[in-house]
Amino acid sequence: MTTDTTWNQYIDATARIREANNALARLIADTLTAQYDGAAAYLVLNEDESADFMGLVSVLDVEGACLFAFGDDTATLPPLPPGSLLADAWGSRDPAKPWTVCTAIQGLYQTGAIFDRLPLDRLPLASDSSTAAKEHYCLLLSAAARPDFWDFDEADMARLVRPCSAPRPPDRRQAPLPIPPDPR
């Protein structure tokens, strides 16, 4: 026998999941930014062909230079700075281990979060790397990071996880706004 759920309970539950997704995305962004002393701008993601897994590709800076490439099981991300409060937020998991970040991204993906597309046309260094081989998703990690696409419909916008972003240009025909310094 199943428990009856009202429409309002369902709406409340999905709102809590979205809040948790946004908080987790922010934790990932804050952590990678701290690990790379503010240089991390994009966490590059790749959706598996079967669309049941979101893999990690790399961490890029604002110009598209690769700070870390995932795939080597022995490589680790930099440790968090000593005394970082972010370590407490990860509990017993170590965010220097790539699998920790991968598990967090999978949690977002499996609960229906939508990620931005990597804006390859605005990342000169990324266009020369293996990242340019195909379209990738990304998690924006800093106020200097720009999404490839701004205009999602209302339903998708509610599921989009975008913890950071450069200011949106007021008009698509105008030049992008200057990138503000990252407050971290």
N, C-alpha and C. Protein backbone atom coordinates (compact mmCIF):
# COMPACT_ATOMS: atom_id res chain seq x y z
N MET A 1 0.84 -1.18 0.00
CA MET A 1 0.00 0.00 0.00
C MET A 1 0.90 1.25 0.00
N THR A 2 0.50 2.21 -0.79
CA THR A 2 1.28 3.45 -0.86
C THR A 2 0.64 4.52 0.02
N THR A 3 1.47 5.45 0.40
CA THR A 3 0.97 6.57 1.20
C THR A 3 0.39 7.60 0.25
N ASP A 4 -0.75 8.13 0.59
CA ASP A 4 -1.35 9.17 -0.23
C ASP A 4 -0.56 10.45 -0.11
N THR A 5 -0.36 11.10 -1.23
CA THR A 5 0.34 12.37 -1.26
C THR A 5 -0.56 13.37 -1.96
N THR A 6 -0.69 14.52 -1.36
CA THR A 6 -1.49 15.56 -1.98
C THR A 6 -0.62 16.33 -2.96
N TRP A 7 -1.26 17.07 -3.84
CA TRP A 7 -0.54 17.89 -4.80
C TRP A 7 0.35 18.90 -4.07
N ASN A 8 -0.16 19.52 -3.04
CA ASN A 8 0.63 20.51 -2.30
C ASN A 8 1.84 19.87 -1.63
N GLN A 9 1.71 18.66 -1.11
CA GLN A 9 2.86 17.96 -0.53
C GLN A 9 3.92 17.68 -1.59
N TYR A 10 3.45 17.29 -2.77
CA TYR A 10 4.37 17.03 -3.87
C TYR A 10 5.11 18.31 -4.27
N ILE A 11 4.40 19.40 -4.41
CA ILE A 11 5.01 20.69 -4.77
C ILE A 11 6.02 21.11 -3.70
N ASP A 12 5.67 20.95 -2.45
CA ASP A 12 6.59 21.29 -1.36
C ASP A 12 7.85 20.41 -1.42
N ALA A 13 7.66 19.13 -1.67
CA ALA A 13 8.81 18.21 -1.73
C ALA A 13 9.74 18.57 -2.90
N THR A 14 9.18 18.88 -4.06
CA THR A 14 10.03 19.24 -5.20
C THR A 14 10.74 20.57 -4.95
N ALA A 15 10.09 21.48 -4.26
CA ALA A 15 10.74 22.76 -3.92
C ALA A 15 11.91 22.52 -2.98
N ARG A 16 11.75 21.61 -2.03
CA ARG A 16 12.85 21.29 -1.11
C ARG A 16 14.01 20.62 -1.85
N ILE A 17 13.69 19.76 -2.82
CA ILE A 17 14.75 19.12 -3.61
C ILE A 17 15.51 20.17 -4.41
N ARG A 18 14.79 21.12 -5.01
CA ARG A 18 15.46 22.17 -5.78
C ARG A 18 16.34 23.04 -4.88
N GLU A 19 15.86 23.35 -3.69
CA GLU A 19 16.67 24.13 -2.74
C GLU A 19 17.92 23.35 -2.36
N ALA A 20 17.76 22.06 -2.11
CA ALA A 20 18.91 21.23 -1.75
C ALA A 20 19.88 21.12 -2.93
N ASN A 21 19.36 20.99 -4.14
CA ASN A 21 20.21 20.94 -5.33
C ASN A 21 21.02 22.22 -5.47
N ASN A 22 20.36 23.36 -5.30
CA ASN A 22 21.07 24.64 -5.41
C ASN A 22 22.12 24.79 -4.32
N ALA A 23 21.82 24.32 -3.12
CA ALA A 23 22.80 24.39 -2.03
C ALA A 23 23.99 23.48 -2.31
N LEU A 24 23.74 22.28 -2.83
CA LEU A 24 24.83 21.37 -3.16
C LEU A 24 25.67 21.93 -4.30
N ALA A 25 25.03 22.48 -5.31
CA ALA A 25 25.77 23.10 -6.42
C ALA A 25 26.66 24.23 -5.91
N ARG A 26 26.15 25.01 -4.98
CA ARG A 26 26.93 26.10 -4.39
C ARG A 26 28.11 25.55 -3.59
N LEU A 27 27.89 24.45 -2.86
CA LEU A 27 28.98 23.83 -2.12
C LEU A 27 30.07 23.35 -3.06
N ILE A 28 29.69 22.72 -4.16
CA ILE A 28 30.66 22.26 -5.15
C ILE A 28 31.44 23.46 -5.71
N ALA A 29 30.72 24.52 -6.09
CA ALA A 29 31.36 25.71 -6.65
C ALA A 29 32.31 26.36 -5.64
N ASP A 30 31.84 26.54 -4.42
CA ASP A 30 32.68 27.16 -3.40
C ASP A 30 33.92 26.32 -3.11
N THR A 31 33.74 25.00 -3.09
CA THR A 31 34.86 24.10 -2.81
C THR A 31 35.91 24.16 -3.91
N LEU A 32 35.49 24.00 -5.17
CA LEU A 32 36.46 24.02 -6.26
C LEU A 32 37.14 25.38 -6.38
N THR A 33 36.39 26.44 -6.11
CA THR A 33 36.98 27.78 -6.14
C THR A 33 38.03 27.92 -5.04
N ALA A 34 37.75 27.40 -3.86
CA ALA A 34 38.73 27.45 -2.76
C ALA A 34 39.94 26.57 -3.08
N GLN A 35 39.71 25.41 -3.66
CA GLN A 35 40.81 24.50 -3.98
C GLN A 35 41.76 25.09 -5.01
N TYR A 36 41.23 25.92 -5.90
CA TYR A 36 42.04 26.53 -6.96
C TYR A 36 42.26 28.02 -6.72
N ASP A 37 42.17 28.45 -5.47
CA ASP A 37 42.48 29.83 -5.07
C ASP A 37 41.77 30.86 -5.96
N GLY A 38 40.50 30.60 -6.26
CA GLY A 38 39.68 31.53 -7.03
C GLY A 38 39.78 31.40 -8.53
N ALA A 39 40.65 30.53 -9.04
CA ALA A 39 40.85 30.42 -10.48
C ALA A 39 39.81 29.55 -11.19
N ALA A 40 39.17 28.63 -10.49
CA ALA A 40 38.22 27.72 -11.13
C ALA A 40 36.97 28.49 -11.58
N ALA A 41 36.57 28.28 -12.83
CA ALA A 41 35.39 28.97 -13.36
C ALA A 41 34.33 28.00 -13.90
N TYR A 42 34.76 26.86 -14.43
CA TYR A 42 33.82 25.90 -15.03
C TYR A 42 34.18 24.48 -14.60
N LEU A 43 33.19 23.74 -14.13
CA LEU A 43 33.33 22.31 -13.94
C LEU A 43 32.68 21.69 -15.17
N VAL A 44 33.48 21.09 -16.04
CA VAL A 44 32.99 20.55 -17.31
C VAL A 44 32.46 19.14 -17.09
N LEU A 45 31.26 18.91 -17.62
CA LEU A 45 30.54 17.64 -17.42
C LEU A 45 30.20 17.02 -18.76
N ASN A 46 30.06 15.71 -18.77
CA ASN A 46 29.71 14.99 -19.99
C ASN A 46 28.62 13.98 -19.68
N GLU A 47 27.49 14.11 -20.36
CA GLU A 47 26.40 13.16 -20.16
C GLU A 47 26.70 11.87 -20.93
N ASP A 48 26.61 10.75 -20.25
CA ASP A 48 26.81 9.44 -20.85
C ASP A 48 25.82 9.24 -21.99
N GLU A 49 26.22 8.46 -23.01
CA GLU A 49 25.35 8.22 -24.17
C GLU A 49 24.00 7.64 -23.78
N SER A 50 23.95 6.87 -22.72
CA SER A 50 22.69 6.27 -22.29
C SER A 50 21.86 7.23 -21.46
N ALA A 51 22.39 8.43 -21.22
CA ALA A 51 21.71 9.48 -20.45
C ALA A 51 21.34 9.04 -19.04
N ASP A 52 22.21 8.20 -18.45
CA ASP A 52 21.95 7.79 -17.08
C ASP A 52 23.11 8.13 -16.14
N PHE A 53 24.11 8.87 -16.66
CA PHE A 53 25.26 9.22 -15.85
C PHE A 53 25.86 10.53 -16.36
N MET A 54 26.19 11.42 -15.43
CA MET A 54 26.85 12.67 -15.77
C MET A 54 28.28 12.57 -15.26
N GLY A 55 29.23 12.47 -16.19
CA GLY A 55 30.62 12.31 -15.83
C GLY A 55 31.35 13.64 -15.72
N LEU A 56 32.49 13.62 -15.05
CA LEU A 56 33.33 14.80 -14.90
C LEU A 56 34.42 14.78 -15.95
N VAL A 57 34.64 15.92 -16.60
CA VAL A 57 35.66 16.03 -17.65
C VAL A 57 36.86 16.81 -17.13
N SER A 58 36.62 18.05 -16.66
CA SER A 58 37.73 18.89 -16.25
C SER A 58 37.24 20.09 -15.44
N VAL A 59 38.19 20.78 -14.85
CA VAL A 59 37.95 22.08 -14.22
C VAL A 59 38.74 23.08 -15.06
N LEU A 60 38.05 24.13 -15.52
CA LEU A 60 38.68 25.15 -16.37
C LEU A 60 38.69 26.50 -15.68
N ASP A 61 39.66 27.33 -16.05
CA ASP A 61 39.63 28.71 -15.58
C ASP A 61 38.76 29.54 -16.53
N VAL A 62 38.69 30.83 -16.32
CA VAL A 62 37.77 31.68 -17.08
C VAL A 62 38.14 31.77 -18.56
N GLU A 63 39.40 31.52 -18.90
CA GLU A 63 39.85 31.54 -20.29
C GLU A 63 39.73 30.18 -20.96
N GLY A 64 39.45 29.15 -20.17
CA GLY A 64 39.33 27.81 -20.71
C GLY A 64 40.56 26.95 -20.50
N ALA A 65 41.56 27.47 -19.79
CA ALA A 65 42.74 26.65 -19.50
C ALA A 65 42.36 25.56 -18.50
N CYS A 66 42.87 24.37 -18.73
CA CYS A 66 42.54 23.23 -17.87
C CYS A 66 43.34 23.28 -16.58
N LEU A 67 42.63 23.32 -15.46
CA LEU A 67 43.26 23.28 -14.15
C LEU A 67 43.37 21.84 -13.64
N PHE A 68 42.42 21.00 -14.04
CA PHE A 68 42.41 19.60 -13.62
C PHE A 68 41.62 18.80 -14.64
N ALA A 69 42.18 17.67 -15.06
CA ALA A 69 41.47 16.76 -15.96
C ALA A 69 41.12 15.50 -15.18
N PHE A 70 39.85 15.15 -15.19
CA PHE A 70 39.40 13.94 -14.52
C PHE A 70 39.71 12.73 -15.40
N GLY A 71 39.81 11.59 -14.81
CA GLY A 71 40.03 10.37 -15.56
C GLY A 71 41.16 9.53 -15.01
N ASP A 72 42.14 10.16 -14.38
CA ASP A 72 43.22 9.43 -13.73
C ASP A 72 42.77 9.10 -12.32
N ASP A 73 42.54 7.84 -12.05
CA ASP A 73 42.00 7.44 -10.75
C ASP A 73 42.95 7.71 -9.59
N THR A 74 44.22 7.95 -9.88
CA THR A 74 45.18 8.21 -8.81
C THR A 74 45.36 9.70 -8.54
N ALA A 75 44.89 10.56 -9.45
CA ALA A 75 45.05 12.01 -9.28
C ALA A 75 44.00 12.54 -8.31
N THR A 76 44.39 13.54 -7.54
CA THR A 76 43.45 14.18 -6.63
C THR A 76 43.41 15.67 -6.90
N LEU A 77 42.31 16.27 -6.54
CA LEU A 77 42.17 17.71 -6.58
C LEU A 77 42.99 18.30 -5.44
N PRO A 78 43.30 19.59 -5.48
CA PRO A 78 44.03 20.18 -4.36
C PRO A 78 43.20 20.08 -3.07
N PRO A 79 43.88 19.99 -1.94
CA PRO A 79 43.13 19.97 -0.67
C PRO A 79 42.53 21.35 -0.40
N LEU A 80 41.52 21.37 0.43
CA LEU A 80 40.97 22.65 0.86
C LEU A 80 42.01 23.37 1.72
N PRO A 81 41.97 24.70 1.72
CA PRO A 81 42.92 25.42 2.58
C PRO A 81 42.74 25.01 4.05
N PRO A 82 43.82 25.02 4.81
CA PRO A 82 43.72 24.64 6.24
C PRO A 82 42.68 25.50 6.97
N GLY A 83 41.88 24.86 7.79
CA GLY A 83 40.86 25.57 8.57
C GLY A 83 39.62 25.95 7.80
N SER A 84 39.48 25.49 6.56
CA SER A 84 38.33 25.83 5.74
C SER A 84 37.05 25.26 6.34
N LEU A 85 36.03 26.10 6.43
CA LEU A 85 34.72 25.65 6.91
C LEU A 85 34.04 24.72 5.90
N LEU A 86 34.49 24.76 4.66
CA LEU A 86 33.90 23.90 3.64
C LEU A 86 34.13 22.43 3.95
N ALA A 87 35.23 22.11 4.60
CA ALA A 87 35.50 20.71 4.94
C ALA A 87 34.40 20.15 5.82
N ASP A 88 33.89 20.94 6.74
CA ASP A 88 32.80 20.49 7.61
C ASP A 88 31.54 20.18 6.81
N ALA A 89 31.29 20.96 5.79
CA ALA A 89 30.09 20.75 4.97
C ALA A 89 30.13 19.42 4.22
N TRP A 90 31.33 18.91 3.94
CA TRP A 90 31.47 17.63 3.25
C TRP A 90 31.41 16.45 4.20
N GLY A 91 31.41 16.72 5.49
CA GLY A 91 31.34 15.63 6.46
C GLY A 91 32.53 14.71 6.35
N SER A 92 32.27 13.41 6.25
CA SER A 92 33.35 12.42 6.19
C SER A 92 33.93 12.27 4.79
N ARG A 93 33.34 12.93 3.81
CA ARG A 93 33.84 12.83 2.42
C ARG A 93 34.94 13.84 2.18
N ASP A 94 35.91 13.47 1.37
CA ASP A 94 37.04 14.33 1.06
C ASP A 94 36.87 14.92 -0.34
N PRO A 95 36.63 16.23 -0.47
CA PRO A 95 36.43 16.81 -1.80
C PRO A 95 37.69 16.86 -2.65
N ALA A 96 38.84 16.48 -2.11
CA ALA A 96 40.04 16.37 -2.93
C ALA A 96 40.00 15.09 -3.77
N LYS A 97 39.16 14.15 -3.38
CA LYS A 97 39.00 12.92 -4.15
C LYS A 97 37.96 13.16 -5.24
N PRO A 98 38.33 12.98 -6.49
CA PRO A 98 37.39 13.24 -7.59
C PRO A 98 36.07 12.49 -7.46
N TRP A 99 36.10 11.29 -6.88
CA TRP A 99 34.87 10.52 -6.76
C TRP A 99 33.85 11.24 -5.87
N THR A 100 34.32 12.02 -4.90
CA THR A 100 33.41 12.78 -4.04
C THR A 100 32.63 13.80 -4.87
N VAL A 101 33.35 14.54 -5.72
CA VAL A 101 32.70 15.53 -6.58
C VAL A 101 31.78 14.83 -7.57
N CYS A 102 32.23 13.70 -8.11
CA CYS A 102 31.40 12.95 -9.05
C CYS A 102 30.10 12.49 -8.41
N THR A 103 30.18 11.99 -7.19
CA THR A 103 28.99 11.54 -6.47
C THR A 103 28.02 12.70 -6.24
N ALA A 104 28.56 13.88 -5.93
CA ALA A 104 27.71 15.06 -5.72
C ALA A 104 27.02 15.46 -7.02
N ILE A 105 27.76 15.46 -8.12
CA ILE A 105 27.17 15.80 -9.42
C ILE A 105 26.10 14.78 -9.79
N GLN A 106 26.37 13.50 -9.53
CA GLN A 106 25.37 12.46 -9.81
C GLN A 106 24.10 12.70 -9.00
N GLY A 107 24.25 13.12 -7.75
CA GLY A 107 23.08 13.43 -6.94
C GLY A 107 22.24 14.52 -7.57
N LEU A 108 22.89 15.55 -8.08
CA LEU A 108 22.16 16.62 -8.76
C LEU A 108 21.47 16.08 -10.02
N TYR A 109 22.22 15.34 -10.81
CA TYR A 109 21.71 14.81 -12.08
C TYR A 109 20.53 13.87 -11.86
N GLN A 110 20.64 12.99 -10.89
CA GLN A 110 19.60 11.99 -10.66
C GLN A 110 18.33 12.59 -10.06
N THR A 111 18.43 13.79 -9.49
CA THR A 111 17.22 14.44 -8.97
C THR A 111 16.66 15.45 -9.96
N GLY A 112 17.13 15.42 -11.19
CA GLY A 112 16.53 16.23 -12.25
C GLY A 112 17.13 17.60 -12.46
N ALA A 113 18.27 17.88 -11.86
CA ALA A 113 18.90 19.19 -12.08
C ALA A 113 19.34 19.32 -13.53
N ILE A 114 19.27 20.53 -14.04
CA ILE A 114 19.73 20.85 -15.39
C ILE A 114 21.00 21.70 -15.26
N PHE A 115 21.98 21.40 -16.12
CA PHE A 115 23.25 22.11 -16.11
C PHE A 115 23.34 23.01 -17.34
N ASP A 116 24.17 24.05 -17.22
CA ASP A 116 24.45 24.91 -18.37
C ASP A 116 25.28 24.16 -19.40
N ARG A 117 25.30 24.70 -20.62
CA ARG A 117 26.21 24.22 -21.66
C ARG A 117 27.50 25.03 -21.56
N LEU A 118 28.61 24.39 -21.84
CA LEU A 118 29.90 25.07 -21.82
C LEU A 118 29.98 26.01 -23.01
N PRO A 119 30.29 27.30 -22.79
CA PRO A 119 30.33 28.28 -23.89
C PRO A 119 31.68 28.26 -24.62
N LEU A 120 31.91 27.25 -25.44
CA LEU A 120 33.20 27.08 -26.09
C LEU A 120 33.60 28.28 -26.95
N ASP A 121 32.62 28.95 -27.54
CA ASP A 121 32.96 30.10 -28.40
C ASP A 121 33.55 31.26 -27.61
N ARG A 122 33.40 31.25 -26.30
CA ARG A 122 33.94 32.33 -25.46
C ARG A 122 35.11 31.88 -24.60
N LEU A 123 35.59 30.68 -24.84
CA LEU A 123 36.72 30.16 -24.07
C LEU A 123 37.85 29.83 -25.04
N PRO A 124 38.71 30.79 -25.33
CA PRO A 124 39.73 30.57 -26.36
C PRO A 124 40.65 29.39 -26.08
N LEU A 125 41.01 29.15 -24.85
CA LEU A 125 41.93 28.05 -24.56
C LEU A 125 41.23 26.70 -24.62
N ALA A 126 39.95 26.64 -24.30
CA ALA A 126 39.23 25.37 -24.32
C ALA A 126 39.03 24.87 -25.74
N SER A 127 38.98 25.78 -26.70
CA SER A 127 38.74 25.35 -28.09
C SER A 127 39.92 24.57 -28.65
N ASP A 128 41.09 24.66 -28.00
CA ASP A 128 42.27 23.93 -28.46
C ASP A 128 42.44 22.59 -27.75
N SER A 129 41.54 22.25 -26.86
CA SER A 129 41.72 21.03 -26.07
C SER A 129 40.71 19.96 -26.46
N SER A 130 40.78 18.84 -25.79
CA SER A 130 39.84 17.76 -26.04
C SER A 130 38.43 18.15 -25.62
N THR A 131 38.31 19.20 -24.80
CA THR A 131 36.99 19.67 -24.39
C THR A 131 36.18 20.12 -25.59
N ALA A 132 36.85 20.61 -26.62
CA ALA A 132 36.16 21.14 -27.80
C ALA A 132 35.62 20.05 -28.71
N ALA A 133 35.93 18.79 -28.42
CA ALA A 133 35.52 17.70 -29.30
C ALA A 133 34.01 17.59 -29.44
N LYS A 134 33.27 17.97 -28.43
CA LYS A 134 31.82 17.93 -28.52
C LYS A 134 31.23 18.86 -27.47
N GLU A 135 29.92 19.05 -27.56
CA GLU A 135 29.27 19.90 -26.56
C GLU A 135 29.32 19.24 -25.19
N HIS A 136 29.59 20.06 -24.20
CA HIS A 136 29.62 19.56 -22.84
C HIS A 136 28.70 20.42 -21.98
N TYR A 137 28.29 19.85 -20.89
CA TYR A 137 27.58 20.60 -19.87
C TYR A 137 28.61 21.17 -18.91
N CYS A 138 28.18 22.09 -18.07
CA CYS A 138 29.10 22.62 -17.07
C CYS A 138 28.33 23.17 -15.88
N LEU A 139 29.06 23.29 -14.79
CA LEU A 139 28.57 23.97 -13.60
C LEU A 139 29.43 25.23 -13.50
N LEU A 140 28.78 26.39 -13.47
CA LEU A 140 29.50 27.66 -13.37
C LEU A 140 29.99 27.82 -11.95
N LEU A 141 31.29 28.12 -11.80
CA LEU A 141 31.91 28.12 -10.48
C LEU A 141 32.27 29.51 -9.96
N SER A 142 32.22 30.52 -10.80
CA SER A 142 32.62 31.85 -10.35
C SER A 142 31.79 32.94 -11.02
N ALA A 143 31.90 34.13 -10.48
CA ALA A 143 31.18 35.28 -11.03
C ALA A 143 31.73 35.70 -12.39
N ALA A 144 32.86 35.16 -12.78
CA ALA A 144 33.43 35.46 -14.09
C ALA A 144 32.95 34.46 -15.16
N ALA A 145 32.34 33.37 -14.75
CA ALA A 145 31.88 32.34 -15.69
C ALA A 145 30.60 32.80 -16.38
N ARG A 146 30.54 32.56 -17.67
CA ARG A 146 29.37 32.93 -18.46
C ARG A 146 28.71 31.69 -19.03
N PRO A 147 27.39 31.60 -18.92
CA PRO A 147 26.72 30.43 -19.51
C PRO A 147 26.66 30.57 -21.03
N ASP A 148 26.49 29.46 -21.71
CA ASP A 148 26.34 29.47 -23.16
C ASP A 148 24.98 30.02 -23.55
N PHE A 149 24.00 29.84 -22.69
CA PHE A 149 22.61 30.16 -23.01
C PHE A 149 21.95 30.76 -21.78
N TRP A 150 21.27 31.87 -21.94
CA TRP A 150 20.63 32.53 -20.80
C TRP A 150 19.15 32.18 -20.66
N ASP A 151 18.46 32.00 -21.78
CA ASP A 151 17.00 31.94 -21.77
C ASP A 151 16.44 30.53 -21.76
N PHE A 152 16.18 30.04 -20.56
CA PHE A 152 15.49 28.76 -20.40
C PHE A 152 14.01 29.05 -20.16
N ASP A 153 13.15 28.08 -20.51
CA ASP A 153 11.74 28.29 -20.17
C ASP A 153 11.58 28.15 -18.66
N GLU A 154 10.42 28.53 -18.17
CA GLU A 154 10.20 28.59 -16.72
C GLU A 154 10.42 27.25 -16.02
N ALA A 155 9.95 26.17 -16.64
CA ALA A 155 10.10 24.85 -16.01
C ALA A 155 11.57 24.45 -15.93
N ASP A 156 12.33 24.68 -16.99
CA ASP A 156 13.75 24.35 -16.98
C ASP A 156 14.53 25.27 -16.05
N MET A 157 14.16 26.53 -16.03
CA MET A 157 14.87 27.49 -15.16
C MET A 157 14.74 27.08 -13.70
N ALA A 158 13.61 26.51 -13.33
CA ALA A 158 13.41 26.07 -11.94
C ALA A 158 14.35 24.91 -11.60
N ARG A 159 14.75 24.12 -12.60
CA ARG A 159 15.62 22.96 -12.37
C ARG A 159 17.09 23.26 -12.62
N LEU A 160 17.38 24.41 -13.22
CA LEU A 160 18.76 24.79 -13.53
C LEU A 160 19.56 25.04 -12.27
N VAL A 161 20.75 24.44 -12.18
CA VAL A 161 21.66 24.73 -11.08
C VAL A 161 22.76 25.63 -11.63
N ARG A 162 22.76 26.86 -11.18
CA ARG A 162 23.74 27.86 -11.62
C ARG A 162 24.15 28.66 -10.39
N PRO A 163 25.10 28.11 -9.61
CA PRO A 163 25.46 28.78 -8.36
C PRO A 163 26.16 30.12 -8.55
N CYS A 164 26.78 30.31 -9.71
CA CYS A 164 27.51 31.56 -9.98
C CYS A 164 27.32 31.90 -11.45
N SER A 165 27.51 33.17 -11.78
CA SER A 165 27.43 33.58 -13.18
C SER A 165 27.84 35.03 -13.31
N ALA A 166 28.45 35.33 -14.43
CA ALA A 166 28.71 36.73 -14.77
C ALA A 166 27.36 37.41 -14.98
N PRO A 167 27.32 38.74 -14.89
CA PRO A 167 26.05 39.44 -15.12
C PRO A 167 25.50 39.19 -16.52
N ARG A 168 24.21 39.07 -16.59
CA ARG A 168 23.56 38.86 -17.89
C ARG A 168 23.54 40.17 -18.66
N PRO A 169 23.93 40.13 -19.94
CA PRO A 169 23.83 41.36 -20.75
C PRO A 169 22.37 41.78 -20.85
N PRO A 170 22.08 43.08 -20.76
CA PRO A 170 20.68 43.51 -20.83
C PRO A 170 20.03 43.21 -22.17
N ASP A 171 20.81 43.17 -23.24
CA ASP A 171 20.29 42.92 -24.58
C ASP A 171 21.28 42.02 -25.28
N ARG A 172 20.79 40.94 -25.90
CA ARG A 172 21.70 39.99 -26.54
C ARG A 172 22.55 40.62 -27.63
N ARG A 173 22.10 41.72 -28.23
CA ARG A 173 22.87 42.35 -29.29
C ARG A 173 24.00 43.21 -28.74
N GLN A 174 23.95 43.51 -27.44
CA GLN A 174 24.99 44.33 -26.83
C GLN A 174 26.18 43.47 -26.43
N ALA A 175 27.31 44.13 -26.29
CA ALA A 175 28.50 43.44 -25.80
C ALA A 175 28.24 42.97 -24.37
N PRO A 176 28.82 41.86 -23.98
CA PRO A 176 28.64 41.41 -22.59
C PRO A 176 29.12 42.46 -21.60
N LEU A 177 28.51 42.45 -20.44
CA LEU A 177 28.93 43.35 -19.39
C LEU A 177 30.33 42.98 -18.92
N PRO A 178 31.08 43.93 -18.38
CA PRO A 178 32.40 43.57 -17.88
C PRO A 178 32.28 42.56 -16.75
N ILE A 179 33.28 41.72 -16.64
CA ILE A 179 33.29 40.69 -15.61
C ILE A 179 33.69 41.34 -14.29
N PRO A 180 32.82 41.23 -13.28
CA PRO A 180 33.18 41.81 -11.98
C PRO A 180 34.19 40.93 -11.27
N PRO A 181 34.95 41.51 -10.35
CA PRO A 181 35.87 40.67 -9.58
C PRO A 181 35.08 39.69 -8.72
N ASP A 182 35.62 38.50 -8.56
CA ASP A 182 34.98 37.48 -7.74
C ASP A 182 35.12 37.91 -6.27
N PRO A 183 34.01 38.01 -5.50
CA PRO A 183 34.07 38.51 -4.14
C PRO A 183 34.76 37.56 -3.16
N ARG A 184 35.08 36.35 -3.60
CA ARG A 184 35.69 35.39 -2.67
C ARG A 184 37.12 35.67 -2.49
